[in-house]
Protein backbone atom coordinates (compact mmCIF):
# COMPACT_ATOMS: atom_id res chain seq x y z
CA MET A 1 47.08 -11.28 -19.19
CA SER A 2 46.26 -7.88 -20.71
CA LYS A 3 43.28 -5.65 -19.66
CA ILE A 4 41.04 -3.52 -21.47
CA ILE A 5 39.52 -0.70 -19.28
CA SER A 6 37.00 1.88 -20.21
CA VAL A 7 36.77 5.00 -18.55
CA HIS A 8 33.48 6.66 -18.91
CA SER A 9 31.04 9.49 -17.63
CA PHE A 10 27.31 10.02 -18.62
CA ARG A 11 28.17 13.83 -18.68
CA GLY A 12 31.16 15.92 -19.86
CA GLY A 13 33.39 17.88 -17.43
CA THR A 14 33.76 15.14 -14.80
CA GLY A 15 37.49 14.72 -15.10
CA LYS A 16 37.29 11.48 -17.32
CA SER A 17 40.28 12.30 -19.23
CA ASN A 18 42.42 13.60 -16.45
CA THR A 19 41.65 10.23 -14.37
CA THR A 20 42.49 8.27 -17.71
CA ALA A 21 45.97 9.89 -17.94
CA ASN A 22 46.78 9.66 -14.43
CA LEU A 23 45.95 5.88 -14.38
CA ALA A 24 48.04 5.30 -17.60
CA ALA A 25 51.01 7.17 -15.80
CA LEU A 26 50.87 5.26 -12.55
CA LEU A 27 50.52 1.91 -14.17
CA ALA A 28 53.62 2.54 -16.37
CA THR A 29 55.47 3.79 -13.40
CA ASP A 30 55.18 0.41 -12.24
CA GLY A 31 56.63 -1.10 -15.41
CA ALA A 32 53.43 -1.80 -17.28
CA ARG A 33 53.07 -1.42 -21.07
CA VAL A 34 50.04 1.02 -21.56
CA GLY A 35 48.02 1.95 -24.29
CA VAL A 36 45.53 4.99 -24.28
CA VAL A 37 43.00 5.38 -26.91
CA ASP A 38 40.93 8.78 -27.31
CA THR A 39 37.68 7.66 -28.67
CA ASP A 40 36.00 11.15 -27.81
CA ILE A 41 36.36 11.73 -31.61
CA ALA A 42 33.87 14.72 -31.30
CA SER A 43 35.82 16.56 -28.87
CA PRO A 44 39.44 15.19 -28.46
CA GLY A 45 41.44 16.45 -25.52
CA ILE A 46 43.68 13.80 -23.61
CA HIS A 47 46.38 14.46 -25.79
CA VAL A 48 46.85 17.94 -24.22
CA LEU A 49 47.68 16.00 -20.76
CA PHE A 50 50.50 13.96 -22.55
CA ASN A 51 51.81 17.49 -24.03
CA MET A 52 50.94 16.30 -27.57
CA ASP A 53 50.15 18.89 -30.30
CA GLU A 54 48.99 18.66 -33.95
CA SER A 55 52.75 18.42 -34.99
CA ASP A 56 53.22 15.23 -33.12
CA MET A 57 50.39 13.37 -34.77
CA ASP A 58 51.47 11.74 -37.80
CA HIS A 59 48.68 9.46 -37.65
CA THR A 60 45.39 9.61 -35.79
CA LEU A 61 42.52 7.17 -34.68
CA ASN A 62 40.69 8.89 -37.61
CA ASP A 63 43.21 7.84 -40.20
CA TYR A 64 42.77 4.08 -38.93
CA LEU A 65 39.02 4.41 -39.16
CA TRP A 66 39.28 5.59 -42.65
CA GLY A 67 41.70 2.92 -43.63
CA LYS A 68 44.61 5.20 -44.09
CA CYS A 69 47.08 3.43 -41.55
CA SER A 70 46.96 0.48 -39.08
CA ILE A 71 45.98 0.79 -35.57
CA ASP A 72 49.47 0.56 -34.30
CA GLU A 73 50.90 3.27 -36.78
CA ALA A 74 48.52 5.56 -35.05
CA ALA A 75 50.09 4.75 -31.80
CA HIS A 76 52.72 7.21 -30.55
CA ASP A 77 55.16 6.43 -27.67
CA ILE A 78 54.67 9.32 -25.34
CA THR A 79 56.48 7.80 -22.34
CA LYS A 80 59.03 10.65 -22.24
CA ASN A 81 56.47 13.30 -22.65
CA VAL A 82 55.22 12.00 -19.00
CA SER A 83 58.36 11.48 -17.05
CA ALA A 84 61.94 10.39 -17.59
CA ASP A 85 61.31 8.15 -14.47
CA ILE A 86 58.86 5.60 -16.11
CA THR A 87 60.06 2.26 -16.49
CA GLY A 88 57.12 1.00 -18.57
CA LYS A 89 55.84 2.49 -21.81
CA ILE A 90 52.73 4.70 -22.46
CA PHE A 91 51.11 4.67 -26.20
CA MET A 92 48.57 7.32 -27.07
CA VAL A 93 46.28 6.91 -30.15
CA PRO A 94 45.08 10.30 -30.43
CA SER A 95 41.88 11.53 -32.17
CA SER A 96 42.50 14.35 -34.77
CA ILE A 97 42.12 17.94 -33.53
CA LYS A 98 41.39 19.02 -37.09
CA ALA A 99 38.08 20.69 -37.64
CA GLY A 100 37.63 19.25 -41.11
CA GLU A 101 38.40 15.74 -39.87
CA ILE A 102 36.02 15.96 -36.77
CA ALA A 103 33.21 17.39 -39.12
CA ARG A 104 33.81 14.53 -41.60
CA ILE A 105 33.47 11.87 -38.80
CA LEU A 106 30.29 13.47 -37.28
CA ARG A 107 29.02 13.75 -40.87
CA GLU A 108 29.96 10.23 -42.29
CA GLY A 109 30.21 8.27 -39.18
CA TYR A 110 32.32 5.21 -38.96
CA ASP A 111 32.54 1.58 -38.69
CA VAL A 112 32.12 0.77 -34.81
CA GLY A 113 33.18 -2.80 -35.23
CA LEU A 114 36.38 -1.67 -36.77
CA LEU A 115 37.18 0.40 -33.77
CA ASN A 116 36.66 -2.57 -31.39
CA ASP A 117 38.77 -4.83 -33.70
CA GLY A 118 41.58 -1.94 -33.54
CA PHE A 119 41.41 -2.17 -29.88
CA ARG A 120 42.43 -5.98 -29.82
CA ASP A 121 44.99 -5.49 -32.52
CA LEU A 122 46.73 -2.82 -30.38
CA VAL A 123 46.82 -4.84 -27.34
CA GLU A 124 48.44 -7.70 -29.61
CA LYS A 125 50.85 -5.75 -31.73
CA LEU A 126 52.10 -3.56 -28.83
CA LYS A 127 52.16 -6.30 -26.20
CA LEU A 128 50.20 -4.16 -23.97
CA ASP A 129 49.46 -4.92 -20.22
CA TYR A 130 46.68 -2.31 -20.06
CA LEU A 131 44.58 -0.65 -22.80
CA LEU A 132 42.64 2.39 -21.50
CA ILE A 133 39.78 3.68 -23.49
CA ASP A 134 38.78 7.34 -22.94
CA THR A 135 35.27 7.02 -24.06
CA HIS A 136 32.89 9.88 -25.34
CA PRO A 137 30.36 11.03 -22.70
CA GLY A 138 27.04 9.58 -22.65
CA LEU A 139 25.77 6.45 -24.20
CA ASN A 140 25.92 5.51 -27.99
CA GLU A 141 26.93 2.60 -30.17
CA GLU A 142 30.67 3.00 -29.98
CA THR A 143 30.57 3.49 -26.05
CA LEU A 144 28.29 0.24 -25.58
CA LEU A 145 30.66 -1.98 -27.70
CA SER A 146 33.69 -0.39 -25.72
CA ILE A 147 31.99 -1.21 -22.35
CA ALA A 148 31.29 -4.71 -23.65
CA ILE A 149 34.70 -5.76 -24.57
CA SER A 150 35.98 -4.23 -21.21
CA ASP A 151 37.51 -6.29 -18.46
CA ALA A 152 36.86 -3.26 -16.35
CA LEU A 153 34.88 -0.19 -16.42
CA ILE A 154 35.61 3.14 -14.51
CA ILE A 155 32.48 5.52 -14.22
CA ILE A 156 33.34 8.91 -13.36
CA MET A 157 30.70 11.09 -11.72
CA ARG A 158 30.44 14.28 -9.53
CA PRO A 159 28.31 14.69 -6.49
CA ASP A 160 25.70 16.71 -8.43
CA SER A 161 21.94 15.63 -9.08
CA GLN A 162 22.35 15.44 -12.74
CA ASP A 163 25.02 13.07 -12.48
CA TYR A 164 23.53 10.76 -9.94
CA GLN A 165 20.58 10.34 -12.48
CA GLY A 166 22.61 9.94 -15.47
CA THR A 167 25.16 7.52 -13.88
CA ILE A 168 22.08 5.20 -13.06
CA VAL A 169 21.67 4.70 -16.67
CA THR A 170 25.31 3.89 -17.19
CA VAL A 171 25.66 1.36 -14.20
CA ASP A 172 22.28 -0.26 -15.25
CA VAL A 173 23.89 -0.88 -18.90
CA ALA A 174 26.95 -2.01 -17.40
CA LYS A 175 25.24 -4.67 -15.31
CA LYS A 176 23.32 -6.06 -18.32
CA LEU A 177 26.52 -6.20 -20.26
CA ASP A 178 28.12 -8.16 -17.40
CA VAL A 179 31.24 -6.20 -17.13
CA PRO A 180 33.57 -8.21 -15.05
CA LYS A 181 34.81 -5.22 -12.77
CA MET A 182 32.94 -1.76 -12.46
CA LEU A 183 34.21 1.11 -10.21
CA ILE A 184 32.60 4.24 -9.61
CA VAL A 185 34.79 7.14 -9.09
CA VAL A 186 33.37 10.58 -7.39
CA ASN A 187 35.30 13.43 -8.49
CA LYS A 188 35.49 17.21 -7.55
CA VAL A 189 34.08 16.45 -4.03
CA PRO A 190 33.65 19.69 -2.03
CA SER A 191 35.46 20.03 1.28
CA GLN A 192 32.25 20.45 3.14
CA PHE A 193 31.27 16.90 2.24
CA ASN A 194 31.96 13.80 4.37
CA PRO A 195 33.81 11.43 1.95
CA ALA A 196 32.64 8.40 3.96
CA GLU A 197 28.96 9.57 3.61
CA VAL A 198 29.30 10.27 -0.25
CA ARG A 199 30.99 6.77 -0.64
CA ALA A 200 28.13 5.29 1.49
CA ARG A 201 25.54 7.24 -0.55
CA VAL A 202 26.73 6.08 -3.73
CA GLU A 203 27.24 2.54 -3.20
CA GLN A 204 23.75 2.14 -1.68
CA THR A 205 22.24 4.07 -4.86
CA TYR A 206 23.97 2.10 -7.41
CA GLU A 207 24.72 -1.13 -5.57
CA ALA A 208 28.37 -1.00 -6.98
CA THR A 209 32.15 -0.44 -5.68
CA VAL A 210 33.19 3.05 -5.22
CA GLY A 211 36.87 2.86 -6.35
CA ALA A 212 37.80 6.29 -5.07
CA ILE A 213 36.51 9.75 -3.79
CA PHE A 214 38.50 12.74 -5.18
CA PRO A 215 38.20 15.80 -3.41
CA HIS A 216 38.12 19.16 -5.10
CA SER A 217 41.68 20.19 -5.78
CA ASP A 218 42.97 23.83 -6.28
CA GLU A 219 46.22 22.55 -7.36
CA MET A 220 44.55 20.20 -10.35
CA MET A 221 42.65 23.47 -11.28
CA THR A 222 45.93 25.49 -11.38
CA LEU A 223 47.81 22.68 -13.40
CA ALA A 224 44.92 23.32 -16.08
CA SER A 225 45.66 20.26 -17.88
CA SER A 226 49.36 21.28 -18.51
CA GLY A 227 50.58 17.67 -17.18
CA ILE A 228 49.82 14.76 -15.19
CA PHE A 229 48.66 15.55 -11.73
CA SER A 230 50.14 12.52 -10.06
CA VAL A 231 53.47 13.08 -11.63
CA LYS A 232 53.60 16.79 -10.59
CA TYR A 233 52.26 16.12 -7.17
CA PRO A 234 52.91 12.62 -6.12
CA ASP A 235 52.32 13.37 -2.58
CA ASN A 236 49.02 15.00 -2.94
CA VAL A 237 45.86 13.02 -1.34
CA MET A 238 44.32 13.02 -4.77
CA SER A 239 47.44 11.17 -6.33
CA LYS A 240 47.52 8.88 -3.41
CA SER A 241 43.85 8.11 -4.13
CA MET A 242 44.75 7.62 -7.61
CA ARG A 243 47.38 5.22 -6.93
CA GLU A 244 44.93 3.21 -4.78
CA LEU A 245 42.55 3.11 -7.79
CA ALA A 246 45.28 1.85 -10.09
CA ASN A 247 45.99 -0.81 -7.69
CA MET A 248 42.55 -2.01 -7.78
CA LEU A 249 42.86 -2.60 -11.47
CA LYS A 250 45.57 -4.79 -10.98
CA ALA A 251 43.87 -7.04 -8.77
């Protein structure tokens, strides 16, 4: 049974794209066929983690939304970009990084219903086990519809007062939309914080399950989005937490 998983944050800079990319790599390492769609059309970036650049993008999500190609034609097999040891597959649907095309989307908009139809078509045509949707921060029509069709929602936040307040809105919306599974990930937790206390506070505040607590990582900062962290540092404590989160998605 295929699963659609949205990865979301109320604010930018939480590590949403990094989490999405790592989960995709870990699920594919276990032999799954995984699709990743970058729906952060205004500020795309997850393609960098998969070592893609503009010359690799024959078609993008923008082309699909403008009727220039089918959704599967915008999907690129980037498995080997991640690791030669992956037994599954990773397909990436990037958003365009061309300034003119970003401006057109912002100016003219697009059919959000077409986007969600594309998610289902992608799952079917590529025979995906998992489709990960890297959403745009905040809440808009596209995000709401993506969450509504998801089998699981991962909400990324930091231990920051603004994130605590903004995340309340996302959690409330997800509960009203009856998302089958919702997991909160607290990222970039300073070493001075007690992870157990952070987990308890978040679960009490939102009445939701915390899927992982990721510590602040100098290795992650040094990697600087030049690769997939769990592939580069498989024995790191953060990679092990990523693995536990991936396993929770399988259940």
